[in-house]
Structures are given as C-alpha cells and as structure tokens.
C-alpha cells in the first residue's frame, strides 16, 4: 500500500517517492494544500475501492496515519 500511496502523492506534489516514509507529514513535509489532499483522497477511493470519510481522513497528518485509516476500511 505504501508504494501505491507514494505514487498517488507524487501525482499532486513535487516529492521524491524514495524519500516518502510513513512519518512524512502531508502539509509540512510534502507541501500538500487542502485542495490537493482532497483530490488525492478521491484517487485513493478509486485505487483501493473504499469510501473515505473526508472529515476523518483530514485528521490524518502523515502518510502512516492515512495508511492505517485506509487499511481499516478494507
């Protein structure tokens, strides 16, 4: 799942996939703004075939938290 998320993340921000870790913070480390984050969540829904509660997902501050949330939906 991490590799797929890295690919999705790199679609929205100029980040080196190799440097993205579960501890990478969306806003502070990767440069996400709220619009890009919401758009990425839509791609996550399609990729992982889940329905994301945006209010819950918005509380995910780093990649690991989002992975844990997505794994809990599957």
PDB file of N, CA and C in Angstrom:
ATOM      1  N   UNK A   1       0.820  -1.197   0.000  1.00  0.00           N
ATOM      2  CA  UNK A   1       0.000   0.000   0.000  1.00  0.00           C
ATOM      3  C   UNK A   1       0.865   1.263   0.000  1.00  0.00           C
ATOM      4  N   UNK A   2       1.984   1.221   0.691  1.00  0.00           N
ATOM      5  CA  UNK A   2       2.846   2.404   0.775  1.00  0.00           C
ATOM      6  C   UNK A   2       3.318   2.831  -0.616  1.00  0.00           C
ATOM      7  N   UNK A   3       3.723   1.875  -1.431  1.00  0.00           N
ATOM      8  CA  UNK A   3       4.219   2.222  -2.762  1.00  0.00           C
ATOM      9  C   UNK A   3       3.121   2.858  -3.614  1.00  0.00           C
ATOM     10  N   UNK A   4       1.903   2.373  -3.495  1.00  0.00           N
ATOM     11  CA  UNK A   4       0.781   2.946  -4.233  1.00  0.00           C
ATOM     12  C   UNK A   4       0.508   4.362  -3.748  1.00  0.00           C
ATOM     13  N   UNK A   5       0.534   4.555  -2.441  1.00  0.00           N
ATOM     14  CA  UNK A   5       0.318   5.897  -1.893  1.00  0.00           C
ATOM     15  C   UNK A   5       1.419   6.856  -2.352  1.00  0.00           C
ATOM     16  N   UNK A   6       2.646   6.385  -2.363  1.00  0.00           N
ATOM     17  CA  UNK A   6       3.748   7.236  -2.833  1.00  0.00           C
ATOM     18  C   UNK A   6       3.484   7.707  -4.256  1.00  0.00           C
ATOM     19  N   UNK A   7       3.026   6.798  -5.099  1.00  0.00           N
ATOM     20  CA  UNK A   7       2.734   7.140  -6.481  1.00  0.00           C
ATOM     21  C   UNK A   7       1.626   8.183  -6.558  1.00  0.00           C
ATOM     22  N   UNK A   8       0.574   8.001  -5.777  1.00  0.00           N
ATOM     23  CA  UNK A   8      -0.530   8.968  -5.761  1.00  0.00           C
ATOM     24  C   UNK A   8      -0.053  10.325  -5.244  1.00  0.00           C
ATOM     25  N   UNK A   9       0.750  10.307  -4.202  1.00  0.00           N
ATOM     26  CA  UNK A   9       1.270  11.550  -3.620  1.00  0.00           C
ATOM     27  C   UNK A   9       2.075  12.324  -4.661  1.00  0.00           C
ATOM     28  N   UNK A  10       2.914  11.621  -5.394  1.00  0.00           N
ATOM     29  CA  UNK A  10       3.776  12.277  -6.384  1.00  0.00           C
ATOM     30  C   UNK A  10       2.984  12.850  -7.556  1.00  0.00           C
ATOM     31  N   UNK A  11       1.753  12.415  -7.724  1.00  0.00           N
ATOM     32  CA  UNK A  11       0.872  12.988  -8.739  1.00  0.00           C
ATOM     33  C   UNK A  11       0.492  14.421  -8.373  1.00  0.00           C
ATOM     34  N   UNK A  12       0.438  14.712  -7.077  1.00  0.00           N
ATOM     35  CA  UNK A  12      -0.058  16.008  -6.605  1.00  0.00           C
ATOM     36  C   UNK A  12       1.010  16.970  -6.115  1.00  0.00           C
ATOM     37  N   UNK A  13       2.120  16.444  -5.655  1.00  0.00           N
ATOM     38  CA  UNK A  13       3.186  17.326  -5.166  1.00  0.00           C
ATOM     39  C   UNK A  13       4.516  16.891  -5.764  1.00  0.00           C
ATOM     40  N   UNK A  14       5.444  17.812  -5.796  1.00  0.00           N
ATOM     41  CA  UNK A  14       6.768  17.540  -6.336  1.00  0.00           C
ATOM     42  C   UNK A  14       7.634  16.950  -5.225  1.00  0.00           C
ATOM     43  N   UNK A  15       7.481  15.647  -5.041  1.00  0.00           N
ATOM     44  CA  UNK A  15       8.230  14.959  -3.991  1.00  0.00           C
ATOM     45  C   UNK A  15       8.932  13.756  -4.607  1.00  0.00           C
ATOM     46  N   UNK A  16      10.060  13.391  -4.027  1.00  0.00           N
ATOM     47  CA  UNK A  16      10.800  12.211  -4.451  1.00  0.00           C
ATOM     48  C   UNK A  16      10.183  11.006  -3.744  1.00  0.00           C
ATOM     49  N   UNK A  17       9.622  10.085  -4.519  1.00  0.00           N
ATOM     50  CA  UNK A  17       8.948   8.925  -3.934  1.00  0.00           C
ATOM     51  C   UNK A  17       9.848   8.175  -2.957  1.00  0.00           C
ATOM     52  N   UNK A  18      11.130   8.112  -3.251  1.00  0.00           N
ATOM     53  CA  UNK A  18      12.065   7.386  -2.391  1.00  0.00           C
ATOM     54  C   UNK A  18      12.199   8.021  -1.013  1.00  0.00           C
ATOM     55  N   UNK A  19      11.895   9.316  -0.921  1.00  0.00           N
ATOM     56  CA  UNK A  19      12.047   9.998   0.368  1.00  0.00           C
ATOM     57  C   UNK A  19      10.761  10.006   1.193  1.00  0.00           C
ATOM     58  N   UNK A  20       9.659   9.501   0.627  1.00  0.00           N
ATOM     59  CA  UNK A  20       8.382   9.487   1.356  1.00  0.00           C
ATOM     60  C   UNK A  20       8.354   8.286   2.281  1.00  0.00           C
ATOM     61  N   UNK A  21       8.088   8.550   3.548  1.00  0.00           N
ATOM     62  CA  UNK A  21       8.009   7.499   4.565  1.00  0.00           C
ATOM     63  C   UNK A  21       6.663   7.602   5.275  1.00  0.00           C
ATOM     64  N   UNK A  22       6.306   6.604   6.085  1.00  0.00           N
ATOM     65  CA  UNK A  22       5.065   6.715   6.859  1.00  0.00           C
ATOM     66  C   UNK A  22       5.042   7.941   7.775  1.00  0.00           C
ATOM     67  N   UNK A  23       6.212   8.444   8.130  1.00  0.00           N
ATOM     68  CA  UNK A  23       6.288   9.606   9.022  1.00  0.00           C
ATOM     69  C   UNK A  23       6.185  10.939   8.265  1.00  0.00           C
ATOM     70  N   UNK A  24       6.209  10.897   6.942  1.00  0.00           N
ATOM     71  CA  UNK A  24       6.129  12.129   6.136  1.00  0.00           C
ATOM     72  C   UNK A  24       4.782  12.811   6.367  1.00  0.00           C
ATOM     73  N   UNK A  25       4.847  14.087   6.764  1.00  0.00           N
ATOM     74  CA  UNK A  25       3.618  14.849   7.018  1.00  0.00           C
ATOM     75  C   UNK A  25       3.157  15.500   5.721  1.00  0.00           C
ATOM     76  N   UNK A  26       1.851  15.424   5.475  1.00  0.00           N
ATOM     77  CA  UNK A  26       1.316  15.904   4.206  1.00  0.00           C
ATOM     78  C   UNK A  26       1.602  17.382   3.978  1.00  0.00           C
ATOM     79  N   UNK A  27       1.265  18.223   4.918  1.00  0.00           N
ATOM     80  CA  UNK A  27       1.436  19.665   4.712  1.00  0.00           C
ATOM     81  C   UNK A  27       2.885  20.097   4.937  1.00  0.00           C
ATOM     82  N   UNK A  28       3.449  19.730   6.064  1.00  0.00           N
ATOM     83  CA  UNK A  28       4.766  20.235   6.449  1.00  0.00           C
ATOM     84  C   UNK A  28       5.918  19.662   5.624  1.00  0.00           C
ATOM     85  N   UNK A  29       5.871  18.357   5.344  1.00  0.00           N
ATOM     86  CA  UNK A  29       6.991  17.722   4.648  1.00  0.00           C
ATOM     87  C   UNK A  29       6.784  17.620   3.139  1.00  0.00           C
ATOM     88  N   UNK A  30       5.540  17.369   2.727  1.00  0.00           N
ATOM     89  CA  UNK A  30       5.280  17.096   1.318  1.00  0.00           C
ATOM     90  C   UNK A  30       4.703  18.292   0.563  1.00  0.00           C
ATOM     91  N   UNK A  31       4.229  19.292   1.279  1.00  0.00           N
ATOM     92  CA  UNK A  31       3.745  20.506   0.630  1.00  0.00           C
ATOM     93  C   UNK A  31       2.311  20.451   0.127  1.00  0.00           C
ATOM     94  N   UNK A  32       1.511  19.550   0.659  1.00  0.00           N
ATOM     95  CA  UNK A  32       0.108  19.469   0.258  1.00  0.00           C
ATOM     96  C   UNK A  32      -0.669  20.690   0.725  1.00  0.00           C
ATOM     97  N   UNK A  33      -1.586  21.153  -0.116  1.00  0.00           N
ATOM     98  CA  UNK A  33      -2.593  22.101   0.349  1.00  0.00           C
ATOM     99  C   UNK A  33      -3.895  21.304   0.484  1.00  0.00           C
ATOM    100  N   UNK A  34      -4.911  21.903   1.056  1.00  0.00           N
ATOM    101  CA  UNK A  34      -6.129  21.150   1.349  1.00  0.00           C
ATOM    102  C   UNK A  34      -6.814  20.652   0.077  1.00  0.00           C
ATOM    103  N   UNK A  35      -6.772  21.437  -0.986  1.00  0.00           N
ATOM    104  CA  UNK A  35      -7.408  21.015  -2.239  1.00  0.00           C
ATOM    105  C   UNK A  35      -6.718  19.775  -2.809  1.00  0.00           C
ATOM    106  N   UNK A  36      -5.395  19.806  -2.876  1.00  0.00           N
ATOM    107  CA  UNK A  36      -4.655  18.654  -3.399  1.00  0.00           C
ATOM    108  C   UNK A  36      -4.894  17.411  -2.550  1.00  0.00           C
ATOM    109  N   UNK A  37      -4.969  17.597  -1.243  1.00  0.00           N
ATOM    110  CA  UNK A  37      -5.184  16.460  -0.340  1.00  0.00           C
ATOM    111  C   UNK A  37      -6.545  15.821  -0.615  1.00  0.00           C
ATOM    112  N   UNK A  38      -7.582  16.641  -0.750  1.00  0.00           N
ATOM    113  CA  UNK A  38      -8.923  16.115  -1.015  1.00  0.00           C
ATOM    114  C   UNK A  38      -8.954  15.402  -2.363  1.00  0.00           C
ATOM    115  N   UNK A  39      -8.307  15.976  -3.365  1.00  0.00           N
ATOM    116  CA  UNK A  39      -8.234  15.328  -4.681  1.00  0.00           C
ATOM    117  C   UNK A  39      -7.523  13.980  -4.588  1.00  0.00           C
ATOM    118  N   UNK A  40      -6.438  13.930  -3.819  1.00  0.00           N
ATOM    119  CA  UNK A  40      -5.714  12.675  -3.652  1.00  0.00           C
ATOM    120  C   UNK A  40      -6.598  11.632  -2.966  1.00  0.00           C
ATOM    121  N   UNK A  41      -7.415  12.063  -2.006  1.00  0.00           N
ATOM    122  CA  UNK A  41      -8.317  11.125  -1.332  1.00  0.00           C
ATOM    123  C   UNK A  41      -9.284  10.498  -2.335  1.00  0.00           C
ATOM    124  N   UNK A  42      -9.740  11.301  -3.292  1.00  0.00           N
ATOM    125  CA  UNK A  42     -10.609  10.758  -4.331  1.00  0.00           C
ATOM    126  C   UNK A  42      -9.909   9.670  -5.132  1.00  0.00           C
ATOM    127  N   UNK A  43      -8.649   9.890  -5.442  1.00  0.00           N
ATOM    128  CA  UNK A  43      -7.872   8.872  -6.143  1.00  0.00           C
ATOM    129  C   UNK A  43      -7.681   7.632  -5.272  1.00  0.00           C
ATOM    130  N   UNK A  44      -7.503   7.836  -3.976  1.00  0.00           N
ATOM    131  CA  UNK A  44      -7.362   6.704  -3.049  1.00  0.00           C
ATOM    132  C   UNK A  44      -8.641   5.866  -3.038  1.00  0.00           C
ATOM    133  N   UNK A  45      -9.792   6.544  -3.072  1.00  0.00           N
ATOM    134  CA  UNK A  45     -11.066   5.807  -3.109  1.00  0.00           C
ATOM    135  C   UNK A  45     -11.121   4.907  -4.335  1.00  0.00           C
ATOM    136  N   UNK A  46     -10.725   5.447  -5.484  1.00  0.00           N
ATOM    137  CA  UNK A  46     -10.745   4.658  -6.720  1.00  0.00           C
ATOM    138  C   UNK A  46      -9.717   3.531  -6.674  1.00  0.00           C
ATOM    139  N   UNK A  47      -8.516   3.846  -6.230  1.00  0.00           N
ATOM    140  CA  UNK A  47      -7.416   2.877  -6.235  1.00  0.00           C
ATOM    141  C   UNK A  47      -7.662   1.708  -5.283  1.00  0.00           C
ATOM    142  N   UNK A  48      -8.171   2.018  -4.080  1.00  0.00           N
ATOM    143  CA  UNK A  48      -8.333   0.984  -3.048  1.00  0.00           C
ATOM    144  C   UNK A  48      -9.774   0.501  -2.908  1.00  0.00           C
ATOM    145  N   UNK A  49     -10.676   1.045  -3.746  1.00  0.00           N
ATOM    146  CA  UNK A  49     -12.086   0.662  -3.744  1.00  0.00           C
ATOM    147  C   UNK A  49     -12.702   0.772  -2.346  1.00  0.00           C
ATOM    148  N   UNK A  50     -12.559   1.961  -1.765  1.00  0.00           N
ATOM    149  CA  UNK A  50     -13.113   2.261  -0.445  1.00  0.00           C
ATOM    150  C   UNK A  50     -13.853   3.591  -0.510  1.00  0.00           C
ATOM    151  N   UNK A  51     -14.668   3.839   0.505  1.00  0.00           N
ATOM    152  CA  UNK A  51     -15.326   5.138   0.624  1.00  0.00           C
ATOM    153  C   UNK A  51     -14.727   5.849   1.824  1.00  0.00           C
ATOM    154  N   UNK A  52     -14.113   6.984   1.573  1.00  0.00           N
ATOM    155  CA  UNK A  52     -13.379   7.716   2.599  1.00  0.00           C
ATOM    156  C   UNK A  52     -14.264   8.799   3.201  1.00  0.00           C
ATOM    157  N   UNK A  53     -14.276   8.852   4.525  1.00  0.00           N
ATOM    158  CA  UNK A  53     -14.925   9.954   5.233  1.00  0.00           C
ATOM    159  C   UNK A  53     -13.899  11.083   5.284  1.00  0.00           C
ATOM    160  N   UNK A  54     -14.160  12.149   4.521  1.00  0.00           N
ATOM    161  CA  UNK A  54     -13.160  13.214   4.401  1.00  0.00           C
ATOM    162  C   UNK A  54     -12.869  13.887   5.736  1.00  0.00           C
ATOM    163  N   UNK A  55     -13.866  13.967   6.615  1.00  0.00           N
ATOM    164  CA  UNK A  55     -13.635  14.575   7.931  1.00  0.00           C
ATOM    165  C   UNK A  55     -12.657  13.737   8.749  1.00  0.00           C
ATOM    166  N   UNK A  56     -12.763  12.425   8.636  1.00  0.00           N
ATOM    167  CA  UNK A  56     -11.848  11.533   9.357  1.00  0.00           C
ATOM    168  C   UNK A  56     -10.465  11.580   8.707  1.00  0.00           C
ATOM    169  N   UNK A  57     -10.444  11.495   7.387  1.00  0.00           N
ATOM    170  CA  UNK A  57      -9.163  11.489   6.673  1.00  0.00           C
ATOM    171  C   UNK A  57      -8.409  12.799   6.867  1.00  0.00           C
ATOM    172  N   UNK A  58      -9.132  13.903   7.018  1.00  0.00           N
ATOM    173  CA  UNK A  58      -8.482  15.206   7.207  1.00  0.00           C
ATOM    174  C   UNK A  58      -7.678  15.253   8.504  1.00  0.00           C
ATOM    175  N   UNK A  59      -7.984  14.367   9.432  1.00  0.00           N
ATOM    176  CA  UNK A  59      -7.244  14.305  10.698  1.00  0.00           C
ATOM    177  C   UNK A  59      -5.933  13.539  10.556  1.00  0.00           C
ATOM    178  N   UNK A  60      -5.750  12.869   9.425  1.00  0.00           N
ATOM    179  CA  UNK A  60      -4.510  12.133   9.171  1.00  0.00           C
ATOM    180  C   UNK A  60      -3.433  13.140   8.789  1.00  0.00           C
ATOM    181  N   UNK A  61      -2.459  13.278   9.627  1.00  0.00           N
ATOM    182  CA  UNK A  61      -1.414  14.279   9.399  1.00  0.00           C
ATOM    183  C   UNK A  61      -0.218  13.748   8.636  1.00  0.00           C
ATOM    184  N   UNK A  62      -0.053  12.421   8.641  1.00  0.00           N
ATOM    185  CA  UNK A  62       1.085  11.864   7.915  1.00  0.00           C
ATOM    186  C   UNK A  62       0.671  10.633   7.121  1.00  0.00           C
ATOM    187  N   UNK A  63       1.566  10.139   6.306  1.00  0.00           N
ATOM    188  CA  UNK A  63       1.278   9.031   5.406  1.00  0.00           C
ATOM    189  C   UNK A  63       0.888   7.779   6.186  1.00  0.00           C
ATOM    190  N   UNK A  64       1.562   7.513   7.290  1.00  0.00           N
ATOM    191  CA  UNK A  64       1.260   6.327   8.093  1.00  0.00           C
ATOM    192  C   UNK A  64      -0.143   6.354   8.666  1.00  0.00           C
ATOM    193  N   UNK A  65      -0.588   7.517   9.114  1.00  0.00           N
ATOM    194  CA  UNK A  65      -1.945   7.633   9.645  1.00  0.00           C
ATOM    195  C   UNK A  65      -2.977   7.373   8.557  1.00  0.00           C
ATOM    196  N   UNK A  66      -2.727   7.880   7.352  1.00  0.00           N
ATOM    197  CA  UNK A  66      -3.654   7.640   6.249  1.00  0.00           C
ATOM    198  C   UNK A  66      -3.645   6.165   5.863  1.00  0.00           C
ATOM    199  N   UNK A  67      -2.476   5.543   5.850  1.00  0.00           N
ATOM    200  CA  UNK A  67      -2.401   4.107   5.543  1.00  0.00           C
ATOM    201  C   UNK A  67      -3.205   3.303   6.546  1.00  0.00           C
ATOM    202  N   UNK A  68      -3.070   3.609   7.823  1.00  0.00           N
ATOM    203  CA  UNK A  68      -3.805   2.884   8.866  1.00  0.00           C
ATOM    204  C   UNK A  68      -5.306   3.065   8.673  1.00  0.00           C
ATOM    205  N   UNK A  69      -5.718   4.291   8.352  1.00  0.00           N
ATOM    206  CA  UNK A  69      -7.145   4.551   8.115  1.00  0.00           C
ATOM    207  C   UNK A  69      -7.641   3.735   6.922  1.00  0.00           C
ATOM    208  N   UNK A  70      -6.895   3.758   5.817  1.00  0.00           N
ATOM    209  CA  UNK A  70      -7.318   3.034   4.613  1.00  0.00           C
ATOM    210  C   UNK A  70      -7.344   1.515   4.859  1.00  0.00           C
ATOM    211  N   UNK A  71      -6.370   1.010   5.598  1.00  0.00           N
ATOM    212  CA  UNK A  71      -6.345  -0.417   5.892  1.00  0.00           C
ATOM    213  C   UNK A  71      -7.545  -0.807   6.742  1.00  0.00           C
ATOM    214  N   UNK A  72      -7.988   0.078   7.623  1.00  0.00           N
ATOM    215  CA  UNK A  72      -9.158  -0.193   8.441  1.00  0.00           C
ATOM    216  C   UNK A  72     -10.447  -0.223   7.649  1.00  0.00           C
ATOM    217  N   UNK A  73     -10.454   0.391   6.480  1.00  0.00           N
ATOM    218  CA  UNK A  73     -11.650   0.401   5.638  1.00  0.00           C
ATOM    219  C   UNK A  73     -11.772  -0.854   4.788  1.00  0.00           C
ATOM    220  N   UNK A  74     -10.644  -1.500   4.536  1.00  0.00           N
ATOM    221  CA  UNK A  74     -10.627  -2.633   3.612  1.00  0.00           C
ATOM    222  C   UNK A  74     -11.135  -3.906   4.162  1.00  0.00           C
TER     223      UNK A  74
END
